[in-house]
Protein backbone atom coordinates (compact mmCIF):
# COMPACT_ATOMS: atom_id res chain seq x y z
CA MET A 1 120.79 98.63 130.25
CA ASN A 2 118.19 100.93 131.83
CA ARG A 3 114.51 100.06 132.27
CA SER A 4 113.42 101.98 129.14
CA GLN A 5 115.90 100.12 126.98
CA SER A 6 114.94 96.80 128.55
CA ASN A 7 111.23 97.40 127.83
CA ARG A 8 112.00 98.34 124.26
CA VAL A 9 114.01 95.14 123.73
CA GLY A 10 111.17 93.13 125.23
CA ARG A 11 108.65 94.68 122.83
CA LEU A 12 110.90 94.01 119.86
CA LYS A 13 111.30 90.35 120.87
CA LEU A 14 107.52 89.99 121.25
CA ALA A 15 106.90 91.51 117.83
CA ALA A 16 109.57 89.31 116.26
CA GLY A 17 108.07 86.23 117.89
CA LEU A 18 104.58 87.05 116.60
CA THR A 19 105.84 87.72 113.11
CA GLY A 20 107.85 84.49 113.15
CA ALA A 21 104.83 82.45 114.22
CA LEU A 22 102.62 83.97 111.54
CA LEU A 23 105.21 83.72 108.79
CA LEU A 24 106.05 80.11 109.61
CA GLY A 25 102.42 79.26 109.03
CA ALA A 26 102.43 81.36 105.89
CA VAL A 27 104.89 78.94 104.32
CA ALA A 28 102.02 76.49 103.92
CA TRP A 29 100.10 79.16 102.03
CA ILE A 30 102.67 79.56 99.23
CA PRO A 31 103.00 76.27 97.32
CA LEU A 32 106.17 76.13 95.26
CA GLN A 33 106.16 75.90 91.48
CA PRO A 34 108.97 75.39 88.96
CA ALA A 35 109.96 78.59 87.19
CA GLY A 36 108.66 77.48 83.79
CA ALA A 37 105.46 75.86 84.96
CA GLN A 38 103.00 78.35 83.52
CA GLU A 39 100.48 77.64 80.82
CA ASN A 40 101.85 78.16 77.31
CA GLN A 41 100.01 81.37 76.65
CA SER A 42 101.16 84.80 75.58
CA ALA A 43 100.86 87.66 78.04
CA ALA A 44 98.37 89.42 75.76
CA ALA A 45 96.12 86.36 75.71
CA ARG A 46 95.90 85.98 79.48
CA PRO A 47 92.90 87.45 81.32
CA ARG A 48 93.59 90.94 82.59
CA ASN A 49 93.77 91.27 86.36
CA ASN A 50 94.47 94.64 87.92
CA ASN A 51 95.69 93.08 91.19
CA ALA A 52 98.35 91.01 89.40
CA ALA A 53 99.89 94.10 87.81
CA LYS A 54 100.76 95.63 91.16
CA PRO A 55 104.28 95.20 92.57
CA ALA A 56 104.69 93.43 95.91
CA THR A 57 105.28 96.72 97.71
CA ALA A 58 102.34 98.59 96.16
CA PRO A 59 100.31 100.22 98.95
CA PRO A 60 96.90 98.57 99.28
CA THR A 61 93.71 100.40 98.47
CA ALA A 62 90.86 100.58 100.97
CA GLU A 63 88.96 98.07 98.85
CA GLU A 64 91.87 95.62 98.85
CA GLU A 65 92.23 95.89 102.61
CA ALA A 66 88.52 95.24 103.08
CA LYS A 67 88.48 92.24 100.73
CA THR A 68 91.63 90.79 102.30
CA ALA A 69 90.07 91.10 105.75
CA GLN A 70 86.88 89.45 104.50
CA PHE A 71 88.92 86.60 102.99
CA MET A 72 90.87 86.08 106.21
CA GLU A 73 87.74 86.14 108.36
CA GLN A 74 86.27 83.41 106.18
CA TYR A 75 89.24 81.10 105.62
CA ALA A 76 91.82 81.90 108.33
CA PRO A 77 89.91 83.44 111.24
CA GLU A 78 92.29 82.20 113.96
CA ARG A 79 95.43 83.65 112.40
CA PHE A 80 93.61 86.86 111.56
CA LYS A 81 92.42 87.17 115.15
CA VAL A 82 96.02 87.02 116.37
CA PHE A 83 97.09 89.47 113.67
CA LYS A 84 94.44 92.04 114.64
CA ALA A 85 95.29 91.72 118.33
CA SER A 86 99.02 92.25 117.78
CA ARG A 87 100.70 95.54 118.61
CA ASP A 88 100.88 98.07 115.77
CA GLY A 89 104.37 98.46 114.37
CA ALA A 90 106.77 97.43 111.63
CA ALA A 91 106.21 93.69 112.14
CA LYS A 92 102.44 93.97 111.88
CA LYS A 93 102.69 96.25 108.86
CA GLN A 94 105.02 93.79 107.13
CA PHE A 95 102.71 90.86 107.70
CA GLY A 96 99.69 92.95 106.66
CA GLN A 97 101.42 93.64 103.34
CA PHE A 98 102.05 89.91 102.96
CA LEU A 99 98.33 89.22 103.40
CA ILE A 100 97.44 91.84 100.78
CA ASN A 101 99.97 90.44 98.30
CA ARG A 102 98.73 86.91 98.83
CA TRP A 103 95.13 87.99 98.27
CA ARG A 104 96.17 89.69 95.02
CA ARG A 105 97.88 86.53 93.77
CA LEU A 106 94.90 84.40 94.73
CA GLU A 107 92.54 86.72 92.88
CA GLU A 108 94.65 86.33 89.75
CA LEU A 109 94.67 82.57 90.24
CA ARG A 110 90.90 82.52 90.71
CA THR A 111 90.51 84.09 87.27
CA ARG A 112 93.09 81.95 85.44
CA GLN A 113 92.87 78.58 87.22
CA PRO A 114 89.76 78.25 89.40
CA ASP A 115 90.46 74.58 90.18
CA LEU A 116 93.91 75.41 91.55
CA TYR A 117 92.45 78.40 93.39
CA GLN A 118 90.09 76.11 95.30
CA VAL A 119 92.99 73.86 96.30
CA ARG A 120 95.00 76.83 97.59
CA VAL A 121 92.06 78.18 99.59
CA GLU A 122 91.49 74.78 101.15
CA ALA A 123 95.18 74.68 102.16
CA ILE A 124 94.77 78.03 103.90
CA ARG A 125 91.70 76.78 105.77
CA LEU A 126 93.47 73.59 106.89
CA ASP A 127 96.53 75.55 107.99
CA ASP A 128 94.31 77.76 110.12
CA ASP A 129 92.74 74.70 111.73
CA ILE A 130 96.22 73.39 112.59
CA PHE A 131 97.20 76.79 113.96
CA SER A 132 94.10 76.81 116.18
CA ILE A 133 94.73 73.28 117.48
CA CYS A 134 98.33 74.11 118.38
CA ARG A 135 97.22 77.20 120.30
CA GLN A 136 94.65 75.14 122.20
CA MET A 137 97.22 72.49 123.05
CA LYS A 138 99.34 75.07 124.86
CA LYS A 139 96.59 75.44 127.49
CA ALA A 140 94.93 72.01 127.40
CA ASN A 141 94.99 69.44 130.16
CA THR A 142 96.16 65.89 129.50
CA ALA A 143 92.75 64.50 128.52
CA ASP A 144 91.94 67.37 126.16
CA LYS A 145 95.42 67.27 124.67
CA GLN A 146 94.93 63.65 123.56
CA LYS A 147 91.79 64.61 121.63
CA LEU A 148 93.53 67.61 120.14
CA LEU A 149 96.44 65.41 119.05
CA ALA A 150 94.01 63.11 117.25
CA ASP A 151 92.42 66.10 115.53
CA LEU A 152 95.85 67.43 114.64
CA LYS A 153 96.90 64.16 113.02
CA GLY A 154 93.84 64.23 110.78
CA LYS A 155 94.39 67.85 109.76
CA VAL A 156 98.07 67.25 108.99
CA ALA A 157 97.07 64.32 106.77
CA ASP A 158 94.44 66.45 105.02
CA LEU A 159 96.96 69.23 104.37
CA PHE A 160 99.47 66.73 102.99
CA ASP A 161 96.83 65.26 100.66
CA ASN A 162 95.94 68.79 99.58
CA GLY A 163 99.55 69.31 98.54
CA LEU A 164 99.50 66.07 96.56
CA HIS A 165 96.32 67.20 94.81
CA GLU A 166 97.93 70.49 93.78
CA ARG A 167 100.98 68.68 92.43
CA LYS A 168 98.74 66.40 90.34
CA ILE A 169 97.03 69.46 88.86
CA ARG A 170 100.37 71.05 88.03
CA ILE A 171 101.73 67.85 86.50
CA ALA A 172 98.63 67.63 84.29
CA GLN A 173 99.26 71.23 83.20
CA LEU A 174 102.89 70.47 82.40
CA GLU A 175 101.89 67.39 80.41
CA ALA A 176 99.43 69.50 78.41
CA GLN A 177 102.16 72.08 77.77
CA LEU A 178 104.59 69.36 76.69
CA LYS A 179 102.05 67.89 74.27
CA ASN A 180 101.35 71.34 72.84
CA GLN A 181 105.06 72.04 72.33
CA THR A 182 105.59 68.58 70.82
CA ASP A 183 102.74 69.17 68.35
CA LEU A 184 104.19 72.57 67.41
CA LEU A 185 107.64 71.06 66.91
CA GLU A 186 106.26 68.33 64.66
CA ALA A 187 104.22 70.83 62.66
CA ASP A 188 107.20 73.15 62.13
CA SER A 189 109.49 70.23 61.30
CA SER A 190 107.08 69.03 58.63
CA LYS A 191 107.13 72.51 57.02
CA ARG A 192 110.84 73.18 57.54
CA ASP A 193 111.73 74.20 53.97
CA GLU A 194 108.64 76.39 53.61
CA LEU A 195 109.27 78.20 56.90
CA ILE A 196 112.97 78.75 56.15
CA ALA A 197 112.14 80.19 52.71
CA ARG A 198 109.54 82.52 54.21
CA ARG A 199 111.93 83.72 56.88
CA TYR A 200 114.73 84.21 54.35
CA ARG A 201 112.50 86.35 52.11
CA GLN A 202 111.49 88.48 55.08
CA ILE A 203 115.04 89.06 56.33
CA SER A 204 116.53 89.62 52.85
CA THR A 205 114.04 92.43 52.19
CA GLN A 206 113.45 93.89 55.64
CA GLY A 207 116.59 93.04 57.60
CA VAL A 208 116.49 92.43 61.35
CA ALA A 209 116.13 94.55 64.46
CA GLY A 210 118.99 97.03 64.60
CA ALA A 211 119.90 96.48 60.92
CA ARG A 212 116.78 97.23 58.88
CA LEU A 213 116.94 97.08 55.07
CA GLY A 214 115.00 98.97 52.44
CA ASN A 215 115.10 102.33 54.20
CA SER A 216 118.41 104.17 53.94
CA SER A 217 117.25 106.91 56.31
CA SER A 218 116.77 104.55 59.25
CA LYS A 219 119.44 104.67 61.94
CA GLU A 220 121.14 101.56 63.25
CA THR A 221 120.26 100.91 66.86
CA ILE A 222 121.11 98.34 69.48
CA ALA A 223 118.28 95.83 69.64
CA ALA A 224 117.67 92.36 70.97
CA PRO A 225 117.54 89.55 68.39
CA GLU A 226 114.07 88.81 67.12
CA ARG A 227 112.54 85.47 67.94
CA PRO A 228 112.01 83.24 64.94
CA PRO A 229 108.43 82.51 63.89
CA GLY A 230 107.05 79.46 65.63
CA ASP A 231 108.85 80.16 68.89
CA LYS A 232 105.91 80.12 71.27
CA ASP A 233 107.82 80.24 74.55
CA ASP A 234 106.80 82.93 76.98
CA ASP A 235 109.37 84.57 79.25
CA ASN A 236 106.71 85.36 81.82
CA THR A 237 106.48 82.97 84.74
CA ASP A 238 103.82 82.41 87.32
CA SER A 239 104.19 84.87 90.15
CA ASP A 240 101.79 82.85 92.49
CA ARG A 241 104.46 81.10 94.48
């Protein structure tokens, strides 16, 4: 391997190491959520958010870049400092896109669930504190390292408690969804005969998707089965994970 190739390999390893360090910390920024754990609400009824509609690979606008930078400076200044100082390249671009996407998801969350938004932001702040302490420990002497270890223990406990708090919020949401679905089930069960008769009259006169009645000129088409009235489930799931 010549010197040029060796230098190139060294740069690639450095970039990979930086990206790995940043992304490992990013795991703490993306709390997990069960696939169905979104509020029982139709897509049309949810607040509109232009950031949420963008795919993960959508190029950021200048405004999004500025707001993401402002957010990072406020809540994760230590990680952002390392990010800005890193060498330009594919690794930095990839992580920059991650920051934009996370900001978009948080903006949607801020609109829909402000209480959960505050918990997530606090997790980001605590993670940045831990990141800073770990960086300081690499250069600290024995006496300073003991103090940093004590600080680290407190921050780790705070971050763990933050995760418990988020889980309590999500459990409360799931319990509310379960109660809502239980109430709907009881209501529909109490009106079973009435709802069946109504649905029968509708299908017997209008048909179903792909096999419409009452209009001989209509063409048969392939169509997905229609959901029965009263089915309030929403296929959309929370993308803030």
